[in-house]
Amino acid sequence: MNYITSVVCIIGLSIALIGCGGVPQPDAANCSGRGMESSLTAFKNNEAARQAFIDKCTEINKESAKTTN
């Protein structure tokens, strides 16, 4: 019984992880340091989307700077 449960859990996790693909959304975590670096790799074939992501990150960072001052 434990073997069947383990197999079902592995299949379920695999399906969940496959569904996590896609382009990242601009937010505080994705627009800073390592997050920005890893996020931009998702846009390597779409320069317009990459620029839109960078512009949105710049906007988020400016808003964040205003609220901290």
Protein backbone atom coordinates (compact mmCIF):
# COMPACT_ATOMS: atom_id res chain seq x y z
CA MET A 1 0.00 0.00 0.00
CA ASN A 2 2.85 2.43 0.77
CA TYR A 3 4.34 1.82 -2.66
CA ILE A 4 1.10 2.78 -4.40
CA THR A 5 0.78 5.92 -2.27
CA SER A 6 4.36 6.91 -3.08
CA VAL A 7 3.81 6.45 -6.81
CA VAL A 8 0.63 8.53 -6.71
CA CYS A 9 2.41 11.31 -4.79
CA ILE A 10 5.32 11.34 -7.24
CA ILE A 11 2.97 11.57 -10.21
CA GLY A 12 1.00 14.36 -8.53
CA LEU A 13 4.12 16.38 -7.75
CA SER A 14 5.41 15.90 -11.27
CA ILE A 15 2.19 17.25 -12.74
CA ALA A 16 2.27 20.22 -10.38
CA LEU A 17 5.87 21.08 -11.25
CA ILE A 18 5.25 20.82 -14.98
CA GLY A 19 2.45 23.35 -14.61
CA CYS A 20 4.81 25.91 -13.02
CA GLY A 21 6.35 26.99 -16.32
CA GLY A 22 5.83 30.29 -18.08
CA VAL A 23 7.29 33.73 -17.84
CA PRO A 24 7.86 35.32 -14.43
CA GLN A 25 5.72 38.21 -13.25
CA PRO A 26 7.38 41.47 -12.21
CA ASP A 27 7.38 41.76 -8.43
CA ALA A 28 9.80 42.78 -5.70
CA ALA A 29 11.51 39.37 -5.59
CA ASN A 30 11.89 39.02 -9.37
CA CYS A 31 13.09 42.60 -9.83
CA SER A 32 16.09 42.54 -7.52
CA GLY A 33 19.53 41.00 -7.83
CA ARG A 34 19.50 37.26 -8.48
CA GLY A 35 15.75 37.27 -9.07
CA MET A 36 16.16 39.70 -11.95
CA GLU A 37 19.03 37.69 -13.39
CA SER A 38 17.10 34.43 -13.36
CA SER A 39 13.88 36.07 -14.56
CA LEU A 40 15.50 37.62 -17.61
CA THR A 41 16.66 34.22 -18.87
CA ALA A 42 13.00 33.37 -19.53
CA PHE A 43 12.88 36.21 -22.10
CA LYS A 44 15.91 35.28 -24.19
CA ASN A 45 13.90 34.97 -27.45
CA ASN A 46 11.44 37.82 -26.92
CA GLU A 47 13.11 41.21 -26.68
CA ALA A 48 9.84 43.19 -26.48
CA ALA A 49 8.60 41.17 -23.49
CA ARG A 50 12.05 41.42 -21.89
CA GLN A 51 12.02 45.22 -22.20
CA ALA A 52 8.47 45.40 -20.84
CA PHE A 53 9.57 43.30 -17.85
CA ILE A 54 12.56 45.59 -17.22
CA ASP A 55 10.36 48.70 -17.51
CA LYS A 56 7.85 47.30 -15.01
CA CYS A 57 10.69 46.39 -12.63
CA THR A 58 12.05 49.93 -12.88
CA GLU A 59 8.60 51.24 -12.04
CA ILE A 60 8.29 48.88 -9.06
CA ASN A 61 11.74 49.87 -7.77
CA LYS A 62 10.89 53.59 -8.03
CA GLU A 63 7.64 53.07 -6.11
CA SER A 64 9.49 51.08 -3.49
CA ALA A 65 12.08 53.83 -3.10
CA LYS A 66 9.33 56.43 -2.62
CA THR A 67 7.64 54.45 0.13
CA THR A 68 10.87 53.87 2.06
CA ASN A 69 11.81 57.58 2.07
